[in-house]
Amino acid sequence: TQMSSFVKVFSDVRCTEQVEQDKLNKNGKIESSEKSTFDYLV
């Protein structure tokens, strides 16, 4: 039942989405990184 409320409200909002993308080496250390900021809505 909450899914209907979630879909209705989430499609009535906008927000800021910050995305951090990391490429890791075999030891788990970051070797490449990119950060992006978006205006986001569904």
Full PDB file with SEQRES, HELIX, SHEET, SSBOND, CRYST1, ORIGX, SCALE, CONECT and MASTER records, all heavy atoms in Angstrom:
SEQRES   1 A   42  THR GLN MET SER SER PHE VAL LYS VAL PHE SER ASP VAL          
SEQRES   2 A   42  ARG CYS THR GLU GLN VAL GLU GLN ASP LYS LEU ASN LYS          
SEQRES   3 A   42  ASN GLY LYS ILE GLU SER SER GLU LYS SER THR PHE ASP          
SEQRES   4 A   42  TYR LEU VAL                                                  
HELIX    1 AA1 GLN A    2  PHE A   10  1                                   9    
SHEET    1 AA1 2 ARG A  14  LEU A  24  0                                        
SHEET    2 AA1 2 ILE A  30  LEU A  41 -1                                        
CRYST1    1.000    1.000    1.000  90.00  90.00  90.00 P 1           1          
ORIGX1      1.000000  0.000000  0.000000        0.00000                         
ORIGX2      0.000000  1.000000  0.000000        0.00000                         
ORIGX3      0.000000  0.000000  1.000000        0.00000                         
SCALE1      1.000000  0.000000  0.000000        0.00000                         
SCALE2      0.000000  1.000000  0.000000        0.00000                         
SCALE3      0.000000  0.000000  1.000000        0.00000                         
ATOM      1  N   THR A   1       0.837  -1.202   0.000  1.00  0.00           N  
ATOM      2  CA  THR A   1       0.000   0.000   0.000  1.00  0.00           C  
ATOM      3  C   THR A   1       0.869   1.248   0.000  1.00  0.00           C  
ATOM      4  O   THR A   1       0.563   2.243  -0.677  1.00  0.00           O  
ATOM      5  CB  THR A   1      -0.927   0.000   1.239  1.00  0.00           C  
ATOM      6  OG1 THR A   1      -1.798  -1.130   1.162  1.00  0.00           O  
ATOM      7  CG2 THR A   1      -1.758   1.275   1.291  1.00  0.00           C  
ATOM      8  N   GLN A   2       1.990   1.215   0.741  1.00  0.00           N  
ATOM      9  CA  GLN A   2       2.902   2.361   0.778  1.00  0.00           C  
ATOM     10  C   GLN A   2       3.532   2.631  -0.580  1.00  0.00           C  
ATOM     11  O   GLN A   2       3.936   3.760  -0.865  1.00  0.00           O  
ATOM     12  CB  GLN A   2       4.017   2.127   1.803  1.00  0.00           C  
ATOM     13  CG  GLN A   2       3.690   2.570   3.213  1.00  0.00           C  
ATOM     14  CD  GLN A   2       3.844   4.075   3.385  1.00  0.00           C  
ATOM     15  OE1 GLN A   2       3.635   4.848   2.463  1.00  0.00           O  
ATOM     16  NE2 GLN A   2       4.214   4.482   4.583  1.00  0.00           N  
ATOM     17  N   MET A   3       3.618   1.609  -1.434  1.00  0.00           N  
ATOM     18  CA  MET A   3       4.239   1.807  -2.734  1.00  0.00           C  
ATOM     19  C   MET A   3       3.489   2.846  -3.558  1.00  0.00           C  
ATOM     20  O   MET A   3       4.096   3.653  -4.272  1.00  0.00           O  
ATOM     21  CB  MET A   3       4.308   0.484  -3.506  1.00  0.00           C  
ATOM     22  CG  MET A   3       5.299  -0.521  -2.959  1.00  0.00           C  
ATOM     23  SD  MET A   3       7.010   0.081  -2.863  1.00  0.00           S  
ATOM     24  CE  MET A   3       7.097   0.578  -1.128  1.00  0.00           C  
ATOM     25  N   SER A   4       2.167   2.864  -3.467  1.00  0.00           N  
ATOM     26  CA  SER A   4       1.395   3.869  -4.201  1.00  0.00           C  
ATOM     27  C   SER A   4       1.694   5.269  -3.682  1.00  0.00           C  
ATOM     28  O   SER A   4       1.855   6.211  -4.470  1.00  0.00           O  
ATOM     29  CB  SER A   4      -0.107   3.566  -4.077  1.00  0.00           C  
ATOM     30  OG  SER A   4      -0.428   2.373  -4.752  1.00  0.00           O  
ATOM     31  N   SER A   5       1.794   5.414  -2.349  1.00  0.00           N  
ATOM     32  CA  SER A   5       2.132   6.717  -1.777  1.00  0.00           C  
ATOM     33  C   SER A   5       3.540   7.127  -2.170  1.00  0.00           C  
ATOM     34  O   SER A   5       3.797   8.287  -2.506  1.00  0.00           O  
ATOM     35  CB  SER A   5       2.020   6.670  -0.244  1.00  0.00           C  
ATOM     36  OG  SER A   5       0.708   6.374   0.152  1.00  0.00           O  
ATOM     37  N   PHE A   6       4.475   6.165  -2.139  1.00  0.00           N  
ATOM     38  CA  PHE A   6       5.853   6.473  -2.511  1.00  0.00           C  
ATOM     39  C   PHE A   6       5.929   6.974  -3.948  1.00  0.00           C  
ATOM     40  O   PHE A   6       6.568   7.991  -4.235  1.00  0.00           O  
ATOM     41  CB  PHE A   6       6.727   5.231  -2.344  1.00  0.00           C  
ATOM     42  CG  PHE A   6       8.135   5.412  -2.851  1.00  0.00           C  
ATOM     43  CD1 PHE A   6       9.111   5.967  -2.039  1.00  0.00           C  
ATOM     44  CD2 PHE A   6       8.475   5.045  -4.150  1.00  0.00           C  
ATOM     45  CE1 PHE A   6      10.408   6.153  -2.513  1.00  0.00           C  
ATOM     46  CE2 PHE A   6       9.763   5.228  -4.632  1.00  0.00           C  
ATOM     47  CZ  PHE A   6      10.732   5.783  -3.813  1.00  0.00           C  
ATOM     48  N   VAL A   7       5.298   6.257  -4.875  1.00  0.00           N  
ATOM     49  CA  VAL A   7       5.361   6.636  -6.293  1.00  0.00           C  
ATOM     50  C   VAL A   7       4.754   8.011  -6.492  1.00  0.00           C  
ATOM     51  O   VAL A   7       5.307   8.854  -7.212  1.00  0.00           O  
ATOM     52  CB  VAL A   7       4.649   5.582  -7.155  1.00  0.00           C  
ATOM     53  CG1 VAL A   7       4.484   6.090  -8.588  1.00  0.00           C  
ATOM     54  CG2 VAL A   7       5.432   4.280  -7.149  1.00  0.00           C  
ATOM     55  N   LYS A   8       3.623   8.273  -5.851  1.00  0.00           N  
ATOM     56  CA  LYS A   8       2.960   9.570  -6.023  1.00  0.00           C  
ATOM     57  C   LYS A   8       3.834  10.707  -5.507  1.00  0.00           C  
ATOM     58  O   LYS A   8       4.036  11.717  -6.198  1.00  0.00           O  
ATOM     59  CB  LYS A   8       1.615   9.592  -5.303  1.00  0.00           C  
ATOM     60  CG  LYS A   8       0.841  10.897  -5.488  1.00  0.00           C  
ATOM     61  CD  LYS A   8      -0.483  10.864  -4.766  1.00  0.00           C  
ATOM     62  CE  LYS A   8      -1.282  12.126  -5.062  1.00  0.00           C  
ATOM     63  NZ  LYS A   8      -0.555  13.369  -4.786  1.00  0.00           N  
ATOM     64  N   VAL A   9       4.372  10.555  -4.290  1.00  0.00           N  
ATOM     65  CA  VAL A   9       5.169  11.633  -3.708  1.00  0.00           C  
ATOM     66  C   VAL A   9       6.504  11.766  -4.439  1.00  0.00           C  
ATOM     67  O   VAL A   9       6.944  12.882  -4.751  1.00  0.00           O  
ATOM     68  CB  VAL A   9       5.403  11.389  -2.204  1.00  0.00           C  
ATOM     69  CG1 VAL A   9       6.392  12.406  -1.632  1.00  0.00           C  
ATOM     70  CG2 VAL A   9       4.083  11.449  -1.448  1.00  0.00           C  
ATOM     71  N   PHE A  10       7.155  10.638  -4.743  1.00  0.00           N  
ATOM     72  CA  PHE A  10       8.481  10.704  -5.366  1.00  0.00           C  
ATOM     73  C   PHE A  10       8.412  11.331  -6.756  1.00  0.00           C  
ATOM     74  O   PHE A  10       9.376  11.947  -7.214  1.00  0.00           O  
ATOM     75  CB  PHE A  10       9.094   9.312  -5.438  1.00  0.00           C  
ATOM     76  CG  PHE A  10      10.586   9.316  -5.637  1.00  0.00           C  
ATOM     77  CD1 PHE A  10      11.401  10.191  -4.928  1.00  0.00           C  
ATOM     78  CD2 PHE A  10      11.190   8.439  -6.516  1.00  0.00           C  
ATOM     79  CE1 PHE A  10      12.779  10.202  -5.109  1.00  0.00           C  
ATOM     80  CE2 PHE A  10      12.569   8.442  -6.708  1.00  0.00           C  
ATOM     81  CZ  PHE A  10      13.360   9.325  -6.001  1.00  0.00           C  
ATOM     82  N   SER A  11       7.271  11.183  -7.441  1.00  0.00           N  
ATOM     83  CA  SER A  11       7.129  11.819  -8.750  1.00  0.00           C  
ATOM     84  C   SER A  11       6.649  13.261  -8.637  1.00  0.00           C  
ATOM     85  O   SER A  11       6.493  13.936  -9.650  1.00  0.00           O  
ATOM     86  CB  SER A  11       6.172  11.012  -9.632  1.00  0.00           C  
ATOM     87  OG  SER A  11       4.884  10.913  -9.028  1.00  0.00           O  
ATOM     88  N   ASP A  12       6.424  13.727  -7.400  1.00  0.00           N  
ATOM     89  CA  ASP A  12       6.038  15.124  -7.162  1.00  0.00           C  
ATOM     90  C   ASP A  12       7.165  15.916  -6.509  1.00  0.00           C  
ATOM     91  O   ASP A  12       6.928  17.004  -5.977  1.00  0.00           O  
ATOM     92  CB  ASP A  12       4.800  15.193  -6.249  1.00  0.00           C  
ATOM     93  CG  ASP A  12       3.505  14.941  -7.008  1.00  0.00           C  
ATOM     94  OD1 ASP A  12       3.541  14.989  -8.252  1.00  0.00           O  
ATOM     95  OD2 ASP A  12       2.482  14.683  -6.355  1.00  0.00           O  
ATOM     96  N   VAL A  13       8.375  15.372  -6.520  1.00  0.00           N  
ATOM     97  CA  VAL A  13       9.499  16.077  -5.906  1.00  0.00           C  
ATOM     98  C   VAL A  13      10.662  16.150  -6.885  1.00  0.00           C  
ATOM     99  O   VAL A  13      10.732  15.401  -7.860  1.00  0.00           O  
ATOM    100  CB  VAL A  13       9.977  15.396  -4.602  1.00  0.00           C  
ATOM    101  CG1 VAL A  13       8.864  15.316  -3.573  1.00  0.00           C  
ATOM    102  CG2 VAL A  13      10.571  14.021  -4.885  1.00  0.00           C  
ATOM    103  N   ARG A  14      11.542  17.072  -6.592  1.00  0.00           N  
ATOM    104  CA  ARG A  14      12.839  17.104  -7.255  1.00  0.00           C  
ATOM    105  C   ARG A  14      13.886  17.221  -6.167  1.00  0.00           C  
ATOM    106  O   ARG A  14      13.597  17.645  -5.041  1.00  0.00           O  
ATOM    107  CB  ARG A  14      12.934  18.271  -8.236  1.00  0.00           C  
ATOM    108  CG  ARG A  14      12.910  19.643  -7.588  1.00  0.00           C  
ATOM    109  CD  ARG A  14      12.694  20.736  -8.631  1.00  0.00           C  
ATOM    110  NE  ARG A  14      13.592  20.574  -9.774  1.00  0.00           N  
ATOM    111  CZ  ARG A  14      13.371  21.141 -10.957  1.00  0.00           C  
ATOM    112  NH1 ARG A  14      12.294  21.889 -11.145  1.00  0.00           N  
ATOM    113  NH2 ARG A  14      14.225  20.962 -11.941  1.00  0.00           N  
ATOM    114  N   CYS A  15      15.107  16.806  -6.478  1.00  0.00           N  
ATOM    115  CA  CYS A  15      16.158  16.849  -5.467  1.00  0.00           C  
ATOM    116  C   CYS A  15      17.501  16.990  -6.151  1.00  0.00           C  
ATOM    117  O   CYS A  15      17.603  17.031  -7.382  1.00  0.00           O  
ATOM    118  CB  CYS A  15      16.116  15.597  -4.586  1.00  0.00           C  
ATOM    119  SG  CYS A  15      16.596  14.073  -5.434  1.00  0.00           S  
ATOM    120  N   THR A  16      18.547  17.070  -5.335  1.00  0.00           N  
ATOM    121  CA  THR A  16      19.917  17.082  -5.841  1.00  0.00           C  
ATOM    122  C   THR A  16      20.491  15.682  -5.682  1.00  0.00           C  
ATOM    123  O   THR A  16      20.435  15.100  -4.596  1.00  0.00           O  
ATOM    124  CB  THR A  16      20.784  18.084  -5.062  1.00  0.00           C  
ATOM    125  OG1 THR A  16      20.236  19.399  -5.223  1.00  0.00           O  
ATOM    126  CG2 THR A  16      22.216  18.064  -5.572  1.00  0.00           C  
ATOM    127  N   GLU A  17      21.009  15.152  -6.768  1.00  0.00           N  
ATOM    128  CA  GLU A  17      21.675  13.853  -6.724  1.00  0.00           C  
ATOM    129  C   GLU A  17      23.171  14.066  -6.945  1.00  0.00           C  
ATOM    130  O   GLU A  17      23.583  14.641  -7.950  1.00  0.00           O  
ATOM    131  CB  GLU A  17      21.137  12.914  -7.805  1.00  0.00           C  
ATOM    132  CG  GLU A  17      21.815  11.545  -7.782  1.00  0.00           C  
ATOM    133  CD  GLU A  17      21.448  10.684  -8.979  1.00  0.00           C  
ATOM    134  OE1 GLU A  17      21.018  11.241 -10.008  1.00  0.00           O  
ATOM    135  OE2 GLU A  17      21.608   9.463  -8.888  1.00  0.00           O  
ATOM    136  N   GLN A  18      23.965  13.618  -5.986  1.00  0.00           N  
ATOM    137  CA  GLN A  18      25.420  13.650  -6.120  1.00  0.00           C  
ATOM    138  C   GLN A  18      25.915  12.226  -6.326  1.00  0.00           C  
ATOM    139  O   GLN A  18      25.576  11.324  -5.544  1.00  0.00           O  
ATOM    140  CB  GLN A  18      26.059  14.266  -4.873  1.00  0.00           C  
ATOM    141  CG  GLN A  18      25.684  15.727  -4.670  1.00  0.00           C  
ATOM    142  CD  GLN A  18      26.216  16.283  -3.361  1.00  0.00           C  
ATOM    143  OE1 GLN A  18      26.062  15.656  -2.325  1.00  0.00           O  
ATOM    144  NE2 GLN A  18      26.840  17.440  -3.416  1.00  0.00           N  
ATOM    145  N   VAL A  19      26.687  12.013  -7.374  1.00  0.00           N  
ATOM    146  CA  VAL A  19      27.157  10.680  -7.728  1.00  0.00           C  
ATOM    147  C   VAL A  19      28.680  10.665  -7.708  1.00  0.00           C  
ATOM    148  O   VAL A  19      29.320  11.483  -8.366  1.00  0.00           O  
ATOM    149  CB  VAL A  19      26.661  10.250  -9.121  1.00  0.00           C  
ATOM    150  CG1 VAL A  19      27.112   8.812  -9.420  1.00  0.00           C  
ATOM    151  CG2 VAL A  19      25.145  10.362  -9.219  1.00  0.00           C  
ATOM    152  N   GLU A  20      29.241   9.744  -6.938  1.00  0.00           N  
ATOM    153  CA  GLU A  20      30.682   9.535  -6.914  1.00  0.00           C  
ATOM    154  C   GLU A  20      30.991   8.179  -7.528  1.00  0.00           C  
ATOM    155  O   GLU A  20      30.557   7.144  -7.016  1.00  0.00           O  
ATOM    156  CB  GLU A  20      31.223   9.606  -5.485  1.00  0.00           C  
ATOM    157  CG  GLU A  20      32.733   9.449  -5.412  1.00  0.00           C  
ATOM    158  CD  GLU A  20      33.296   9.694  -4.027  1.00  0.00           C  
ATOM    159  OE1 GLU A  20      32.554  10.218  -3.173  1.00  0.00           O  
ATOM    160  OE2 GLU A  20      34.474   9.356  -3.804  1.00  0.00           O  
ATOM    161  N   GLN A  21      31.699   8.180  -8.644  1.00  0.00           N  
ATOM    162  CA  GLN A  21      32.053   6.958  -9.355  1.00  0.00           C  
ATOM    163  C   GLN A  21      33.536   6.672  -9.133  1.00  0.00           C  
ATOM    164  O   GLN A  21      34.383   7.510  -9.449  1.00  0.00           O  
ATOM    165  CB  GLN A  21      31.778   7.115 -10.857  1.00  0.00           C  
ATOM    166  CG  GLN A  21      30.323   7.394 -11.187  1.00  0.00           C  
ATOM    167  CD  GLN A  21      30.182   7.913 -12.612  1.00  0.00           C  
ATOM    168  OE1 GLN A  21      30.337   9.111 -12.846  1.00  0.00           O  
ATOM    169  NE2 GLN A  21      29.890   7.031 -13.556  1.00  0.00           N  
ATOM    170  N   ASP A  22      33.828   5.499  -8.605  1.00  0.00           N  
ATOM    171  CA  ASP A  22      35.212   5.117  -8.325  1.00  0.00           C  
ATOM    172  C   ASP A  22      35.567   3.846  -9.074  1.00  0.00           C  
ATOM    173  O   ASP A  22      34.790   2.879  -9.102  1.00  0.00           O  
ATOM    174  CB  ASP A  22      35.425   4.870  -6.827  1.00  0.00           C  
ATOM    175  CG  ASP A  22      35.276   6.130  -6.001  1.00  0.00           C  
ATOM    176  OD1 ASP A  22      35.600   7.215  -6.514  1.00  0.00           O  
ATOM    177  OD2 ASP A  22      34.825   6.024  -4.841  1.00  0.00           O  
ATOM    178  N   LYS A  23      36.749   3.858  -9.672  1.00  0.00           N  
ATOM    179  CA  LYS A  23      37.343   2.656 -10.249  1.00  0.00           C  
ATOM    180  C   LYS A  23      38.431   2.223  -9.272  1.00  0.00           C  
ATOM    181  O   LYS A  23      39.318   3.005  -8.919  1.00  0.00           O  
ATOM    182  CB  LYS A  23      37.959   2.975 -11.612  1.00  0.00           C  
ATOM    183  CG  LYS A  23      38.756   1.837 -12.229  1.00  0.00           C  
ATOM    184  CD  LYS A  23      37.851   0.726 -12.710  1.00  0.00           C  
ATOM    185  CE  LYS A  23      38.641  -0.289 -13.548  1.00  0.00           C  
ATOM    186  NZ  LYS A  23      39.765  -0.899 -12.820  1.00  0.00           N  
ATOM    187  N   LEU A  24      38.350   0.961  -8.791  1.00  0.00           N  
ATOM    188  CA  LEU A  24      39.248   0.474  -7.753  1.00  0.00           C  
ATOM    189  C   LEU A  24      40.255  -0.513  -8.331  1.00  0.00           C  
ATOM    190  O   LEU A  24      39.959  -1.246  -9.280  1.00  0.00           O  
ATOM    191  CB  LEU A  24      38.445  -0.213  -6.640  1.00  0.00           C  
ATOM    192  CG  LEU A  24      37.271   0.593  -6.054  1.00  0.00           C  
ATOM    193  CD1 LEU A  24      36.532  -0.241  -5.030  1.00  0.00           C  
ATOM    194  CD2 LEU A  24      37.751   1.893  -5.450  1.00  0.00           C  
ATOM    195  N   ASN A  25      41.452  -0.545  -7.728  1.00  0.00           N  
ATOM    196  CA  ASN A  25      42.436  -1.530  -8.161  1.00  0.00           C  
ATOM    197  C   ASN A  25      42.229  -2.825  -7.381  1.00  0.00           C  
ATOM    198  O   ASN A  25      41.326  -2.946  -6.550  1.00  0.00           O  
ATOM    199  CB  ASN A  25      43.860  -0.984  -8.017  1.00  0.00           C  
ATOM    200  CG  ASN A  25      44.221  -0.671  -6.567  1.00  0.00           C  
ATOM    201  OD1 ASN A  25      43.651  -1.218  -5.618  1.00  0.00           O  
ATOM    202  ND2 ASN A  25      45.196   0.217  -6.384  1.00  0.00           N  
ATOM    203  N   LYS A  26      43.101  -3.796  -7.600  1.00  0.00           N  
ATOM    204  CA  LYS A  26      42.920  -5.107  -6.988  1.00  0.00           C  
ATOM    205  C   LYS A  26      43.068  -5.077  -5.477  1.00  0.00           C  
ATOM    206  O   LYS A  26      42.639  -6.001  -4.779  1.00  0.00           O  
ATOM    207  CB  LYS A  26      43.909  -6.109  -7.596  1.00  0.00           C  
ATOM    208  CG  LYS A  26      45.373  -5.763  -7.356  1.00  0.00           C  
ATOM    209  CD  LYS A  26      46.280  -6.794  -8.003  1.00  0.00           C  
ATOM    210  CE  LYS A  26      47.758  -6.464  -7.759  1.00  0.00           C  
ATOM    211  NZ  LYS A  26      48.651  -7.479  -8.408  1.00  0.00           N  
ATOM    212  N   ASN A  27      43.667  -4.019  -4.950  1.00  0.00           N  
ATOM    213  CA  ASN A  27      43.811  -3.863  -3.501  1.00  0.00           C  
ATOM    214  C   ASN A  27      42.693  -3.028  -2.888  1.00  0.00           C  
ATOM    215  O   ASN A  27      42.716  -2.718  -1.702  1.00  0.00           O  
ATOM    216  CB  ASN A  27      45.162  -3.229  -3.181  1.00  0.00           C  
ATOM    217  CG  ASN A  27      46.325  -4.099  -3.617  1.00  0.00           C  
ATOM    218  OD1 ASN A  27      46.295  -5.310  -3.428  1.00  0.00           O  
ATOM    219  ND2 ASN A  27      47.350  -3.482  -4.201  1.00  0.00           N  
ATOM    220  N   GLY A  28      41.715  -2.641  -3.712  1.00  0.00           N  
ATOM    221  CA  GLY A  28      40.597  -1.849  -3.225  1.00  0.00           C  
ATOM    222  C   GLY A  28      40.884  -0.372  -3.120  1.00  0.00           C  
ATOM    223  O   GLY A  28      40.069   0.379  -2.569  1.00  0.00           O  
ATOM    224  N   LYS A  29      42.011   0.088  -3.636  1.00  0.00           N  
ATOM    225  CA  LYS A  29      42.358   1.509  -3.616  1.00  0.00           C  
ATOM    226  C   LYS A  29      41.802   2.205  -4.861  1.00  0.00           C  
ATOM    227  O   LYS A  29      41.760   1.621  -5.948  1.00  0.00           O  
ATOM    228  CB  LYS A  29      43.878   1.691  -3.567  1.00  0.00           C  
ATOM    229  CG  LYS A  29      44.541   1.078  -2.344  1.00  0.00           C  
ATOM    230  CD  LYS A  29      44.153   1.825  -1.079  1.00  0.00           C  
ATOM    231  CE  LYS A  29      44.887   1.269   0.137  1.00  0.00           C  
ATOM    232  NZ  LYS A  29      46.342   1.466   0.066  1.00  0.00           N  
ATOM    233  N   ILE A  30      41.384   3.462  -4.703  1.00  0.00           N  
ATOM    234  CA  ILE A  30      40.809   4.224  -5.810  1.00  0.00           C  
ATOM    235  C   ILE A  30      41.915   4.616  -6.779  1.00  0.00           C  
ATOM    236  O   ILE A  30      42.913   5.236  -6.394  1.00  0.00           O  
ATOM    237  CB  ILE A  30      40.085   5.477  -5.292  1.00  0.00           C  
ATOM    238  CG1 ILE A  30      38.893   5.082  -4.415  1.00  0.00           C  
ATOM    239  CG2 ILE A  30      39.609   6.347  -6.463  1.00  0.00           C  
ATOM    240  CD1 ILE A  30      38.214   6.266  -3.733  1.00  0.00           C  
ATOM    241  N   GLU A  31      41.740   4.253  -8.038  1.00  0.00           N  
ATOM    242  CA  GLU A  31      42.702   4.655  -9.061  1.00  0.00           C  
ATOM    243  C   GLU A  31      42.110   5.666 -10.038  1.00  0.00           C  
ATOM    244  O   GLU A  31      42.850   6.390 -10.697  1.00  0.00           O  
ATOM    245  CB  GLU A  31      43.228   3.442  -9.821  1.00  0.00           C  
ATOM    246  CG  GLU A  31      42.200   2.628 -10.558  1.00  0.00           C  
ATOM    247  CD  GLU A  31      42.808   1.423 -11.248  1.00  0.00           C  
ATOM    248  OE1 GLU A  31      43.773   0.844 -10.716  1.00  0.00           O  
ATOM    249  OE2 GLU A  31      42.311   1.057 -12.331  1.00  0.00           O  
ATOM    250  N   SER A  32      40.775   5.730 -10.145  1.00  0.00           N  
ATOM    251  CA  SER A  32      40.107   6.748 -10.956  1.00  0.00           C  
ATOM    252  C   SER A  32      38.823   7.144 -10.256  1.00  0.00           C  
ATOM    253  O   SER A  32      38.165   6.320  -9.608  1.00  0.00           O  
ATOM    254  CB  SER A  32      39.783   6.229 -12.359  1.00  0.00           C  
ATOM    255  OG  SER A  32      40.953   5.877 -13.054  1.00  0.00           O  
ATOM    256  N   SER A  33      38.451   8.425 -10.380  1.00  0.00           N  
ATOM    257  CA  SER A  33      37.265   8.900  -9.685  1.00  0.00           C  
ATOM    258  C   SER A  33      36.615  10.032 -10.476  1.00  0.00           C  
ATOM    259  O   SER A  33      37.304  10.819 -11.132  1.00  0.00           O  
ATOM    260  CB  SER A  33      37.631   9.394  -8.274  1.00  0.00           C  
ATOM    261  OG  SER A  33      36.494   9.855  -7.586  1.00  0.00           O  
ATOM    262  N   GLU A  34      35.300  10.069 -10.408  1.00  0.00           N  
ATOM    263  CA  GLU A  34      34.559  11.173 -11.020  1.00  0.00           C  
ATOM    264  C   GLU A  34      33.371  11.507 -10.139  1.00  0.00           C  
ATOM    265  O   GLU A  34      32.660  10.601  -9.679  1.00  0.00           O  
ATOM    266  CB  GLU A  34      34.085  10.797 -12.432  1.00  0.00           C  
ATOM    267  CG  GLU A  34      33.323  11.910 -13.139  1.00  0.00           C  
ATOM    268  CD  GLU A  34      33.024  11.564 -14.591  1.00  0.00           C  
ATOM    269  OE1 GLU A  34      33.932  11.045 -15.281  1.00  0.00           O  
ATOM    270  OE2 GLU A  34      31.882  11.787 -15.032  1.00  0.00           O  
ATOM    271  N   LYS A  35      33.151  12.783  -9.892  1.00  0.00           N  
ATOM    272  CA  LYS A  35      32.010  13.234  -9.085  1.00  0.00           C  
ATOM    273  C   LYS A  35      31.128  14.129  -9.933  1.00  0.00           C  
ATOM    274  O   LYS A  35      31.623  15.031 -10.610  1.00  0.00           O  
ATOM    275  CB  LYS A  35      32.486  13.981  -7.840  1.00  0.00           C  
ATOM    276  CG  LYS A  35      33.301  13.126  -6.878  1.00  0.00           C  
ATOM    277  CD  LYS A  35      33.728  13.925  -5.651  1.00  0.00           C  
ATOM    278  CE  LYS A  35      34.548  13.066  -4.711  1.00  0.00           C  
ATOM    279  NZ  LYS A  35      34.985  13.817  -3.506  1.00  0.00           N  
ATOM    280  N   SER A  36      29.825  13.872  -9.871  1.00  0.00           N  
ATOM    281  CA  SER A  36      28.867  14.643 -10.655  1.00  0.00           C  
ATOM    282  C   SER A  36      27.696  15.056  -9.780  1.00  0.00           C  
ATOM    283  O   SER A  36      27.347  14.363  -8.813  1.00  0.00           O  
ATOM    284  CB  SER A  36      28.342  13.816 -11.843  1.00  0.00           C  
ATOM    285  OG  SER A  36      29.395  13.338 -12.648  1.00  0.00           O  
ATOM    286  N   THR A  37      27.092  16.195 -10.126  1.00  0.00           N  
ATOM    287  CA  THR A  37      25.912  16.685  -9.428  1.00  0.00           C  
ATOM    288  C   THR A  37      24.805  16.918 -10.443  1.00  0.00           C  
ATOM    289  O   THR A  37      25.036  17.495 -11.510  1.00  0.00           O  
ATOM    290  CB  THR A  37      26.216  17.991  -8.676  1.00  0.00           C  
ATOM    291  OG1 THR A  37      27.285  17.760  -7.745  1.00  0.00           O  
ATOM    292  CG2 THR A  37      24.992  18.491  -7.916  1.00  0.00           C  
ATOM    293  N   PHE A  38      23.593  16.461 -10.100  1.00  0.00           N  
ATOM    294  CA  PHE A  38      22.466  16.550 -11.016  1.00  0.00           C  
ATOM    295  C   PHE A  38      21.257  17.145 -10.311  1.00  0.00           C  
ATOM    296  O   PHE A  38      21.072  16.953  -9.100  1.00  0.00           O  
ATOM    297  CB  PHE A  38      22.054  15.163 -11.529  1.00  0.00           C  
ATOM    298  CG  PHE A  38      23.141  14.390 -12.223  1.00  0.00           C  
ATOM    299  CD1 PHE A  38      23.988  13.566 -11.494  1.00  0.00           C  
ATOM    300  CD2 PHE A  38      23.312  14.473 -13.593  1.00  0.00           C  
ATOM    301  CE1 PHE A  38      24.986  12.833 -12.119  1.00  0.00           C  
ATOM    302  CE2 PHE A  38      24.308  13.742 -14.229  1.00  0.00           C  
ATOM    303  CZ  PHE A  38      25.142  12.926 -13.500  1.00  0.00           C  
ATOM    304  N   ASP A  39      20.422  17.854 -11.061  1.00  0.00           N  
ATOM    305  CA  ASP A  39      19.034  18.058 -10.672  1.00  0.00           C  
ATOM    306  C   ASP A  39      18.298  16.791 -11.068  1.00  0.00           C  
ATOM    307  O   ASP A  39      18.362  16.352 -12.222  1.00  0.00           O  
ATOM    308  CB  ASP A  39      18.428  19.260 -11.403  1.00  0.00           C  
ATOM    309  CG  ASP A  39      18.849  20.575 -10.796  1.00  0.00           C  
ATOM    310  OD1 ASP A  39      19.278  20.575  -9.631  1.00  0.00           O  
ATOM    311  OD2 ASP A  39      18.760  21.604 -11.480  1.00  0.00           O  
ATOM    312  N   TYR A  40      17.591  16.199 -10.115  1.00  0.00           N  
ATOM    313  CA  TYR A  40      17.037  14.858 -10.317  1.00  0.00           C  
ATOM    314  C   TYR A  40      15.539  14.852 -10.052  1.00  0.00           C  
ATOM    315  O   TYR A  40      15.054  15.436  -9.080  1.00  0.00           O  
ATOM    316  CB  TYR A  40      17.737  13.889  -9.360  1.00  0.00           C  
ATOM    317  CG  TYR A  40      17.201  12.477  -9.342  1.00  0.00           C  
ATOM    318  CD1 TYR A  40      17.747  11.488 -10.153  1.00  0.00           C  
ATOM    319  CD2 TYR A  40      16.157  12.119  -8.488  1.00  0.00           C  
ATOM    320  CE1 TYR A  40      17.274  10.183 -10.125  1.00  0.00           C  
ATOM    321  CE2 TYR A  40      15.665  10.820  -8.453  1.00  0.00           C  
ATOM    322  CZ  TYR A  40      16.229   9.861  -9.279  1.00  0.00           C  
ATOM    323  OH  TYR A  40      15.750   8.570  -9.244  1.00  0.00           O  
ATOM    324  N   LEU A  41      14.803  14.182 -10.915  1.00  0.00           N  
ATOM    325  CA  LEU A  41      13.389  13.917 -10.663  1.00  0.00           C  
ATOM    326  C   LEU A  41      12.983  12.650 -11.388  1.00  0.00           C  
ATOM    327  O   LEU A  41      13.650  12.191 -12.313  1.00  0.00           O  
ATOM    328  CB  LEU A  41      12.503  15.100 -11.052  1.00  0.00           C  
ATOM    329  CG  LEU A  41      12.487  15.584 -12.501  1.00  0.00           C  
ATOM    330  CD1 LEU A  41      11.489  14.796 -13.344  1.00  0.00           C  
ATOM    331  CD2 LEU A  41      12.130  17.074 -12.559  1.00  0.00           C  
ATOM    332  N   VAL A  42      11.860  12.084 -10.952  1.00  0.00           N  
ATOM    333  CA  VAL A  42      11.327  10.859 -11.542  1.00  0.00           C  
ATOM    334  C   VAL A  42       9.947  11.149 -12.106  1.00  0.00           C  
ATOM    335  O   VAL A  42       9.118  11.786 -11.454  1.00  0.00           O  
ATOM    336  CB  VAL A  42      11.248   9.726 -10.494  1.00  0.00           C  
ATOM    337  CG1 VAL A  42      10.395   8.573 -11.000  1.00  0.00           C  
ATOM    338  CG2 VAL A  42      12.646   9.229 -10.160  1.00  0.00           C  
TER     339      VAL A  42                                                      
MASTER        0    0    0    1    2    0    0    6  338    1    0    4          
END                                                                             
